[in-house]
Amino acid sequence: MILLKLYFHLKAYFYLFLYKIIYGKSFQFGKKVTFRKGFTLIIEGKEAEVSISDGVFFNNYCSVCSMNKIEIGKNTIFGENVKIYDHNHNYKNTSVLIKNQGFNSKPIIIGENCWVGSNVVILKGVKIGDNSVIGAGCVVFKDVEPGSVIVNQQSLRNI
């Protein structure tokens, strides 16, 4: 088990530095950031940026896609297959193909010490407060108060 953990940490550090070379100032990361198999980071546009703080962990097949700004606080953990998008396609002009209408975007801020369960999708403009838990399978499309437990975008209770 120790060898497997060491393998994942070394592989993550390799990819973090590779992403840093590719994205430069647009990508910042802290200490002890790690991820498992299939992690994807996409930063598109001159103004886009991603900042991942110390101790953040991404499980298998997570992706972070930014055209604006995504910030992830210290010691936040992500379950498998979490998707984070700070942008959506424009689609209202029916005389133009959706793929040709461009995008709209707003920043995403995820607080410290959060747990984001498997198969969660976090959409543009969302702020998730510190110490929050997002249940598996949720689509997060509005802000989450600090200390909340969210299941299907309904607050069960504050911690």
N, C-alpha and C. Protein backbone atom coordinates (compact mmCIF):
# COMPACT_ATOMS: atom_id res chain seq x y z
N MET A 1 0.82 -1.19 0.00
CA MET A 1 0.00 0.00 0.00
C MET A 1 0.87 1.26 0.00
N ILE A 2 1.95 1.24 0.74
CA ILE A 2 2.85 2.39 0.79
C ILE A 2 3.45 2.65 -0.58
N LEU A 3 3.82 1.59 -1.29
CA LEU A 3 4.39 1.75 -2.63
C LEU A 3 3.36 2.35 -3.59
N LEU A 4 2.12 1.92 -3.47
CA LEU A 4 1.07 2.45 -4.34
C LEU A 4 0.85 3.94 -4.07
N LYS A 5 0.82 4.34 -2.80
CA LYS A 5 0.66 5.75 -2.46
C LYS A 5 1.84 6.57 -2.97
N LEU A 6 3.03 6.04 -2.81
CA LEU A 6 4.23 6.72 -3.30
C LEU A 6 4.15 6.91 -4.82
N TYR A 7 3.71 5.86 -5.51
CA TYR A 7 3.55 5.94 -6.97
C TYR A 7 2.59 7.07 -7.35
N PHE A 8 1.42 7.13 -6.70
CA PHE A 8 0.44 8.17 -7.04
C PHE A 8 0.98 9.57 -6.73
N HIS A 9 1.68 9.73 -5.62
CA HIS A 9 2.24 11.03 -5.27
C HIS A 9 3.30 11.47 -6.27
N LEU A 10 4.19 10.57 -6.64
CA LEU A 10 5.24 10.91 -7.61
C LEU A 10 4.65 11.23 -8.98
N LYS A 11 3.68 10.45 -9.39
CA LYS A 11 3.02 10.70 -10.67
C LYS A 11 2.30 12.04 -10.65
N ALA A 12 1.63 12.36 -9.54
CA ALA A 12 0.94 13.65 -9.42
C ALA A 12 1.93 14.80 -9.51
N TYR A 13 3.06 14.71 -8.81
CA TYR A 13 4.05 15.79 -8.86
C TYR A 13 4.59 15.98 -10.27
N PHE A 14 4.81 14.88 -10.97
CA PHE A 14 5.26 14.98 -12.36
C PHE A 14 4.25 15.75 -13.20
N TYR A 15 2.97 15.37 -13.09
CA TYR A 15 1.93 16.03 -13.88
C TYR A 15 1.70 17.48 -13.44
N LEU A 16 1.80 17.76 -12.15
CA LEU A 16 1.66 19.14 -11.68
C LEU A 16 2.71 20.04 -12.33
N PHE A 17 3.94 19.58 -12.37
CA PHE A 17 5.00 20.38 -12.99
C PHE A 17 4.82 20.46 -14.50
N LEU A 18 4.31 19.41 -15.11
CA LEU A 18 4.02 19.44 -16.53
C LEU A 18 2.91 20.47 -16.81
N TYR A 19 1.85 20.46 -16.00
CA TYR A 19 0.78 21.46 -16.15
C TYR A 19 1.33 22.87 -15.94
N LYS A 20 2.24 23.02 -15.00
CA LYS A 20 2.84 24.34 -14.73
C LYS A 20 3.62 24.83 -15.95
N ILE A 21 4.32 23.93 -16.61
CA ILE A 21 5.05 24.30 -17.83
C ILE A 21 4.07 24.69 -18.93
N ILE A 22 3.00 23.93 -19.08
CA ILE A 22 2.01 24.19 -20.13
C ILE A 22 1.25 25.49 -19.88
N TYR A 23 0.76 25.70 -18.64
CA TYR A 23 -0.14 26.80 -18.34
C TYR A 23 0.53 28.00 -17.68
N GLY A 24 1.74 27.86 -17.19
CA GLY A 24 2.47 28.97 -16.61
C GLY A 24 1.76 29.63 -15.45
N LYS A 25 1.65 30.96 -15.50
CA LYS A 25 1.06 31.74 -14.42
C LYS A 25 -0.43 31.46 -14.23
N SER A 26 -1.07 30.87 -15.22
CA SER A 26 -2.50 30.56 -15.12
C SER A 26 -2.79 29.43 -14.14
N PHE A 27 -1.77 28.68 -13.75
CA PHE A 27 -1.96 27.53 -12.87
C PHE A 27 -1.06 27.65 -11.65
N GLN A 28 -1.69 27.66 -10.47
CA GLN A 28 -0.97 27.69 -9.20
C GLN A 28 -1.39 26.47 -8.38
N PHE A 29 -0.44 25.87 -7.68
CA PHE A 29 -0.78 24.75 -6.81
C PHE A 29 0.08 24.78 -5.57
N GLY A 30 -0.48 24.25 -4.48
CA GLY A 30 0.21 24.24 -3.20
C GLY A 30 0.95 22.94 -2.95
N LYS A 31 1.32 22.74 -1.70
CA LYS A 31 2.04 21.54 -1.28
C LYS A 31 1.07 20.37 -1.11
N LYS A 32 1.58 19.18 -1.35
CA LYS A 32 0.86 17.93 -1.14
C LYS A 32 -0.47 17.86 -1.90
N VAL A 33 -0.49 18.42 -3.09
CA VAL A 33 -1.63 18.25 -4.00
C VAL A 33 -1.42 16.93 -4.71
N THR A 34 -2.44 16.09 -4.73
CA THR A 34 -2.27 14.81 -5.41
C THR A 34 -3.58 14.40 -6.08
N PHE A 35 -3.45 13.50 -7.03
CA PHE A 35 -4.61 12.99 -7.74
C PHE A 35 -4.31 11.59 -8.24
N ARG A 36 -5.37 10.88 -8.49
CA ARG A 36 -5.25 9.51 -8.99
C ARG A 36 -5.38 9.49 -10.51
N LYS A 37 -5.63 8.31 -11.03
CA LYS A 37 -5.69 8.05 -12.47
C LYS A 37 -6.76 8.91 -13.16
N GLY A 38 -6.42 9.42 -14.34
CA GLY A 38 -7.39 10.07 -15.20
C GLY A 38 -7.70 11.52 -14.87
N PHE A 39 -6.88 12.18 -14.05
CA PHE A 39 -7.11 13.60 -13.74
C PHE A 39 -6.86 14.43 -14.98
N THR A 40 -7.75 15.43 -15.22
CA THR A 40 -7.60 16.31 -16.37
C THR A 40 -7.70 17.76 -15.92
N LEU A 41 -6.79 18.59 -16.42
CA LEU A 41 -6.81 20.03 -16.17
C LEU A 41 -6.78 20.73 -17.51
N ILE A 42 -7.79 21.60 -17.75
CA ILE A 42 -7.85 22.38 -18.98
C ILE A 42 -8.06 23.83 -18.60
N ILE A 43 -7.16 24.68 -19.06
CA ILE A 43 -7.26 26.12 -18.83
C ILE A 43 -7.20 26.78 -20.20
N GLU A 44 -8.30 27.45 -20.59
CA GLU A 44 -8.39 28.06 -21.92
C GLU A 44 -8.63 29.55 -21.80
N GLY A 45 -7.90 30.34 -22.55
CA GLY A 45 -8.10 31.78 -22.58
C GLY A 45 -7.04 32.52 -21.79
N LYS A 46 -6.79 33.77 -22.20
CA LYS A 46 -5.74 34.58 -21.59
C LYS A 46 -6.01 34.89 -20.13
N GLU A 47 -7.27 35.08 -19.76
CA GLU A 47 -7.63 35.49 -18.40
C GLU A 47 -7.93 34.31 -17.48
N ALA A 48 -8.00 33.12 -18.01
CA ALA A 48 -8.37 31.95 -17.20
C ALA A 48 -7.28 31.59 -16.21
N GLU A 49 -7.69 31.09 -15.04
CA GLU A 49 -6.72 30.65 -14.05
C GLU A 49 -7.32 29.60 -13.13
N VAL A 50 -6.43 28.75 -12.62
CA VAL A 50 -6.79 27.73 -11.65
C VAL A 50 -5.79 27.79 -10.51
N SER A 51 -6.32 27.80 -9.28
CA SER A 51 -5.48 27.81 -8.09
C SER A 51 -5.93 26.69 -7.15
N ILE A 52 -5.01 25.78 -6.86
CA ILE A 52 -5.30 24.64 -6.00
C ILE A 52 -4.39 24.74 -4.78
N SER A 53 -4.98 24.83 -3.59
CA SER A 53 -4.21 25.05 -2.35
C SER A 53 -3.62 23.75 -1.81
N ASP A 54 -2.91 23.87 -0.71
CA ASP A 54 -2.22 22.75 -0.05
C ASP A 54 -3.17 21.61 0.33
N GLY A 55 -2.67 20.39 0.17
CA GLY A 55 -3.35 19.22 0.69
C GLY A 55 -4.61 18.80 -0.04
N VAL A 56 -4.82 19.29 -1.25
CA VAL A 56 -6.01 18.92 -2.02
C VAL A 56 -5.80 17.56 -2.68
N PHE A 57 -6.85 16.73 -2.66
CA PHE A 57 -6.79 15.39 -3.23
C PHE A 57 -7.93 15.19 -4.22
N PHE A 58 -7.60 14.70 -5.41
CA PHE A 58 -8.59 14.34 -6.43
C PHE A 58 -8.53 12.83 -6.64
N ASN A 59 -9.66 12.15 -6.52
CA ASN A 59 -9.71 10.72 -6.79
C ASN A 59 -9.75 10.49 -8.30
N ASN A 60 -9.95 9.26 -8.73
CA ASN A 60 -9.90 8.88 -10.14
C ASN A 60 -10.86 9.68 -11.02
N TYR A 61 -10.38 10.06 -12.19
CA TYR A 61 -11.16 10.63 -13.29
C TYR A 61 -11.83 11.97 -12.98
N CYS A 62 -11.21 12.79 -12.17
CA CYS A 62 -11.71 14.15 -11.94
C CYS A 62 -11.21 15.07 -13.05
N SER A 63 -12.00 16.12 -13.34
CA SER A 63 -11.53 17.11 -14.30
C SER A 63 -11.89 18.52 -13.84
N VAL A 64 -10.97 19.44 -14.12
CA VAL A 64 -11.11 20.84 -13.79
C VAL A 64 -10.93 21.61 -15.10
N CYS A 65 -11.99 22.33 -15.53
CA CYS A 65 -11.97 23.01 -16.82
C CYS A 65 -12.29 24.48 -16.61
N SER A 66 -11.34 25.36 -16.93
CA SER A 66 -11.51 26.78 -16.64
C SER A 66 -11.34 27.65 -17.87
N MET A 67 -12.30 28.57 -18.04
CA MET A 67 -12.18 29.66 -19.00
C MET A 67 -12.20 30.99 -18.25
N ASN A 68 -12.34 30.93 -16.92
CA ASN A 68 -12.43 32.12 -16.09
C ASN A 68 -11.51 31.95 -14.89
N LYS A 69 -12.05 31.43 -13.77
CA LYS A 69 -11.25 31.27 -12.56
C LYS A 69 -11.85 30.18 -11.68
N ILE A 70 -10.98 29.28 -11.22
CA ILE A 70 -11.37 28.25 -10.26
C ILE A 70 -10.36 28.26 -9.13
N GLU A 71 -10.86 28.39 -7.90
CA GLU A 71 -10.02 28.34 -6.70
C GLU A 71 -10.49 27.20 -5.82
N ILE A 72 -9.55 26.40 -5.32
CA ILE A 72 -9.86 25.29 -4.44
C ILE A 72 -9.05 25.45 -3.17
N GLY A 73 -9.74 25.48 -2.02
CA GLY A 73 -9.11 25.73 -0.73
C GLY A 73 -8.38 24.53 -0.17
N LYS A 74 -7.61 24.79 0.87
CA LYS A 74 -6.76 23.78 1.52
C LYS A 74 -7.56 22.57 2.00
N ASN A 75 -6.91 21.41 1.85
CA ASN A 75 -7.40 20.14 2.41
C ASN A 75 -8.78 19.73 1.94
N THR A 76 -9.16 20.18 0.76
CA THR A 76 -10.42 19.73 0.16
C THR A 76 -10.17 18.43 -0.58
N ILE A 77 -11.12 17.52 -0.48
CA ILE A 77 -10.98 16.21 -1.13
C ILE A 77 -12.14 15.97 -2.08
N PHE A 78 -11.83 15.30 -3.19
CA PHE A 78 -12.81 15.04 -4.23
C PHE A 78 -12.93 13.54 -4.45
N GLY A 79 -14.16 13.04 -4.53
CA GLY A 79 -14.41 11.65 -4.87
C GLY A 79 -14.16 11.42 -6.35
N GLU A 80 -14.44 10.22 -6.80
CA GLU A 80 -14.20 9.88 -8.21
C GLU A 80 -15.15 10.63 -9.14
N ASN A 81 -14.62 10.94 -10.33
CA ASN A 81 -15.42 11.45 -11.43
C ASN A 81 -16.07 12.81 -11.16
N VAL A 82 -15.46 13.66 -10.36
CA VAL A 82 -15.97 15.01 -10.12
C VAL A 82 -15.58 15.89 -11.31
N LYS A 83 -16.52 16.72 -11.77
CA LYS A 83 -16.30 17.63 -12.90
C LYS A 83 -16.56 19.05 -12.43
N ILE A 84 -15.63 19.96 -12.74
CA ILE A 84 -15.74 21.36 -12.34
C ILE A 84 -15.61 22.21 -13.60
N TYR A 85 -16.69 22.97 -13.92
CA TYR A 85 -16.73 23.81 -15.12
C TYR A 85 -17.13 25.23 -14.74
N ASP A 86 -16.27 26.21 -15.02
CA ASP A 86 -16.62 27.60 -14.73
C ASP A 86 -17.24 28.30 -15.93
N HIS A 87 -17.75 27.55 -16.87
CA HIS A 87 -18.34 28.11 -18.09
C HIS A 87 -19.45 27.21 -18.63
N ASN A 88 -20.32 27.79 -19.42
CA ASN A 88 -21.38 27.08 -20.14
C ASN A 88 -21.40 27.56 -21.58
N HIS A 89 -21.96 26.75 -22.46
CA HIS A 89 -22.18 27.18 -23.84
C HIS A 89 -23.31 28.20 -23.88
N ASN A 90 -23.19 29.20 -24.76
CA ASN A 90 -24.35 30.03 -25.09
C ASN A 90 -25.22 29.20 -26.03
N TYR A 91 -26.54 29.42 -25.98
CA TYR A 91 -27.42 28.55 -26.77
C TYR A 91 -28.72 29.23 -27.22
N LYS A 92 -28.92 30.50 -26.90
CA LYS A 92 -30.23 31.12 -27.11
C LYS A 92 -30.53 31.51 -28.55
N ASN A 93 -29.51 31.69 -29.39
CA ASN A 93 -29.72 32.08 -30.77
C ASN A 93 -29.95 30.82 -31.61
N THR A 94 -31.21 30.56 -31.94
CA THR A 94 -31.55 29.32 -32.66
C THR A 94 -31.12 29.33 -34.12
N SER A 95 -30.69 30.49 -34.63
CA SER A 95 -30.24 30.54 -36.02
C SER A 95 -28.74 30.25 -36.14
N VAL A 96 -28.08 30.03 -35.01
CA VAL A 96 -26.65 29.73 -35.00
C VAL A 96 -26.44 28.41 -34.26
N LEU A 97 -25.57 27.57 -34.79
CA LEU A 97 -25.26 26.32 -34.11
C LEU A 97 -24.74 26.61 -32.70
N ILE A 98 -25.15 25.82 -31.74
CA ILE A 98 -24.71 26.02 -30.36
C ILE A 98 -23.18 26.04 -30.27
N LYS A 99 -22.53 25.15 -30.96
CA LYS A 99 -21.06 25.09 -30.88
C LYS A 99 -20.38 26.35 -31.41
N ASN A 100 -21.12 27.19 -32.13
CA ASN A 100 -20.56 28.43 -32.68
C ASN A 100 -20.98 29.69 -31.90
N GLN A 101 -21.72 29.51 -30.81
CA GLN A 101 -22.23 30.67 -30.07
C GLN A 101 -21.33 31.12 -28.93
N GLY A 102 -20.24 30.42 -28.70
CA GLY A 102 -19.32 30.84 -27.65
C GLY A 102 -19.76 30.38 -26.26
N PHE A 103 -19.19 31.03 -25.25
CA PHE A 103 -19.39 30.61 -23.87
C PHE A 103 -19.68 31.82 -22.99
N ASN A 104 -20.24 31.55 -21.81
CA ASN A 104 -20.33 32.54 -20.75
C ASN A 104 -19.73 31.89 -19.51
N SER A 105 -19.12 32.70 -18.66
CA SER A 105 -18.41 32.10 -17.53
C SER A 105 -18.48 32.99 -16.29
N LYS A 106 -18.30 32.35 -15.14
CA LYS A 106 -18.20 33.03 -13.85
C LYS A 106 -17.28 32.18 -12.98
N PRO A 107 -16.55 32.81 -12.05
CA PRO A 107 -15.61 32.07 -11.20
C PRO A 107 -16.28 31.05 -10.28
N ILE A 108 -15.51 30.04 -9.93
CA ILE A 108 -15.91 29.05 -8.92
C ILE A 108 -14.91 29.14 -7.78
N ILE A 109 -15.44 29.19 -6.55
CA ILE A 109 -14.58 29.20 -5.37
C ILE A 109 -15.05 28.07 -4.46
N ILE A 110 -14.15 27.14 -4.19
CA ILE A 110 -14.43 26.02 -3.29
C ILE A 110 -13.58 26.24 -2.04
N GLY A 111 -14.22 26.25 -0.88
CA GLY A 111 -13.54 26.57 0.37
C GLY A 111 -12.59 25.50 0.85
N GLU A 112 -12.12 25.70 2.07
CA GLU A 112 -11.18 24.78 2.72
C GLU A 112 -11.93 23.64 3.40
N ASN A 113 -11.24 22.50 3.48
CA ASN A 113 -11.71 21.34 4.22
C ASN A 113 -13.10 20.88 3.78
N CYS A 114 -13.33 20.87 2.48
CA CYS A 114 -14.59 20.39 1.94
C CYS A 114 -14.42 18.95 1.45
N TRP A 115 -15.52 18.23 1.43
CA TRP A 115 -15.55 16.88 0.85
C TRP A 115 -16.59 16.90 -0.26
N VAL A 116 -16.14 16.68 -1.49
CA VAL A 116 -17.01 16.65 -2.65
C VAL A 116 -17.10 15.19 -3.09
N GLY A 117 -18.30 14.61 -2.98
CA GLY A 117 -18.50 13.19 -3.25
C GLY A 117 -18.36 12.82 -4.72
N SER A 118 -18.38 11.54 -4.99
CA SER A 118 -18.23 11.02 -6.35
C SER A 118 -19.34 11.50 -7.27
N ASN A 119 -18.99 11.68 -8.54
CA ASN A 119 -19.93 12.04 -9.60
C ASN A 119 -20.64 13.37 -9.39
N VAL A 120 -20.00 14.30 -8.70
CA VAL A 120 -20.54 15.64 -8.52
C VAL A 120 -20.11 16.51 -9.70
N VAL A 121 -21.01 17.40 -10.13
CA VAL A 121 -20.70 18.39 -11.15
C VAL A 121 -20.88 19.76 -10.50
N ILE A 122 -19.84 20.59 -10.58
CA ILE A 122 -19.87 21.94 -10.01
C ILE A 122 -19.86 22.92 -11.19
N LEU A 123 -20.90 23.77 -11.24
CA LEU A 123 -21.08 24.67 -12.38
C LEU A 123 -20.65 26.10 -12.07
N LYS A 124 -20.60 26.90 -13.09
CA LYS A 124 -20.08 28.27 -13.03
C LYS A 124 -20.76 29.13 -11.96
N GLY A 125 -19.98 30.04 -11.40
CA GLY A 125 -20.51 31.04 -10.49
C GLY A 125 -20.79 30.57 -9.08
N VAL A 126 -20.36 29.35 -8.73
CA VAL A 126 -20.68 28.77 -7.43
C VAL A 126 -19.59 29.06 -6.41
N LYS A 127 -20.02 29.36 -5.19
CA LYS A 127 -19.11 29.44 -4.04
C LYS A 127 -19.54 28.37 -3.05
N ILE A 128 -18.61 27.50 -2.70
CA ILE A 128 -18.86 26.46 -1.71
C ILE A 128 -18.08 26.85 -0.46
N GLY A 129 -18.78 27.06 0.64
CA GLY A 129 -18.16 27.51 1.87
C GLY A 129 -17.29 26.45 2.53
N ASP A 130 -16.39 26.90 3.40
CA ASP A 130 -15.50 26.01 4.15
C ASP A 130 -16.29 24.93 4.89
N ASN A 131 -15.66 23.77 5.06
CA ASN A 131 -16.18 22.67 5.87
C ASN A 131 -17.52 22.12 5.38
N SER A 132 -17.75 22.19 4.09
CA SER A 132 -19.00 21.68 3.52
C SER A 132 -18.80 20.30 2.93
N VAL A 133 -19.90 19.56 2.87
CA VAL A 133 -19.92 18.22 2.27
C VAL A 133 -20.95 18.25 1.15
N ILE A 134 -20.53 17.82 -0.04
CA ILE A 134 -21.43 17.74 -1.19
C ILE A 134 -21.62 16.25 -1.49
N GLY A 135 -22.86 15.78 -1.36
CA GLY A 135 -23.15 14.36 -1.53
C GLY A 135 -22.95 13.88 -2.95
N ALA A 136 -22.70 12.59 -3.08
CA ALA A 136 -22.46 11.97 -4.38
C ALA A 136 -23.60 12.25 -5.35
N GLY A 137 -23.24 12.53 -6.58
CA GLY A 137 -24.21 12.69 -7.65
C GLY A 137 -24.88 14.05 -7.73
N CYS A 138 -24.52 15.00 -6.90
CA CYS A 138 -25.14 16.33 -6.93
C CYS A 138 -24.64 17.14 -8.12
N VAL A 139 -25.52 18.00 -8.61
CA VAL A 139 -25.15 19.05 -9.54
C VAL A 139 -25.24 20.35 -8.75
N VAL A 140 -24.11 20.98 -8.52
CA VAL A 140 -24.06 22.19 -7.70
C VAL A 140 -24.15 23.39 -8.62
N PHE A 141 -25.28 24.10 -8.57
CA PHE A 141 -25.52 25.22 -9.46
C PHE A 141 -25.80 26.52 -8.71
N LYS A 142 -25.78 26.46 -7.37
CA LYS A 142 -25.93 27.68 -6.57
C LYS A 142 -25.03 27.58 -5.35
N ASP A 143 -24.81 28.70 -4.69
CA ASP A 143 -23.87 28.77 -3.58
C ASP A 143 -24.24 27.83 -2.44
N VAL A 144 -23.20 27.38 -1.72
CA VAL A 144 -23.35 26.50 -0.57
C VAL A 144 -22.76 27.21 0.64
N GLU A 145 -23.56 27.38 1.67
CA GLU A 145 -23.11 28.06 2.89
C GLU A 145 -22.03 27.23 3.60
N PRO A 146 -21.10 27.88 4.30
CA PRO A 146 -20.08 27.14 5.06
C PRO A 146 -20.73 26.16 6.04
N GLY A 147 -20.12 24.99 6.19
CA GLY A 147 -20.59 24.00 7.14
C GLY A 147 -21.83 23.25 6.71
N SER A 148 -22.19 23.30 5.44
CA SER A 148 -23.40 22.64 4.96
C SER A 148 -23.13 21.22 4.51
N VAL A 149 -24.18 20.41 4.56
CA VAL A 149 -24.19 19.09 3.96
C VAL A 149 -25.27 19.14 2.88
N ILE A 150 -24.89 18.92 1.64
CA ILE A 150 -25.80 19.09 0.50
C ILE A 150 -26.04 17.75 -0.17
N VAL A 151 -27.33 17.46 -0.40
CA VAL A 151 -27.72 16.29 -1.17
C VAL A 151 -28.74 16.78 -2.19
N ASN A 152 -28.45 16.62 -3.47
CA ASN A 152 -29.32 17.10 -4.54
C ASN A 152 -29.68 18.57 -4.38
N GLN A 153 -28.67 19.39 -4.03
CA GLN A 153 -28.72 20.84 -3.89
C GLN A 153 -29.70 21.29 -2.80
N GLN A 154 -29.98 20.42 -1.86
CA GLN A 154 -30.77 20.78 -0.69
C GLN A 154 -29.90 20.64 0.54
N SER A 155 -29.94 21.64 1.38
CA SER A 155 -29.14 21.59 2.59
C SER A 155 -29.82 20.69 3.62
N LEU A 156 -29.13 19.64 4.06
CA LEU A 156 -29.67 18.76 5.09
C LEU A 156 -29.55 19.39 6.46
N ARG A 157 -28.41 20.01 6.69
CA ARG A 157 -28.15 20.63 7.98
C ARG A 157 -26.83 21.38 7.90
N ASN A 158 -26.64 22.24 8.83
CA ASN A 158 -25.31 22.83 8.97
C ASN A 158 -24.56 22.02 10.00
N ILE A 159 -23.29 21.82 9.79
CA ILE A 159 -22.47 21.03 10.70
C ILE A 159 -22.32 21.75 12.01
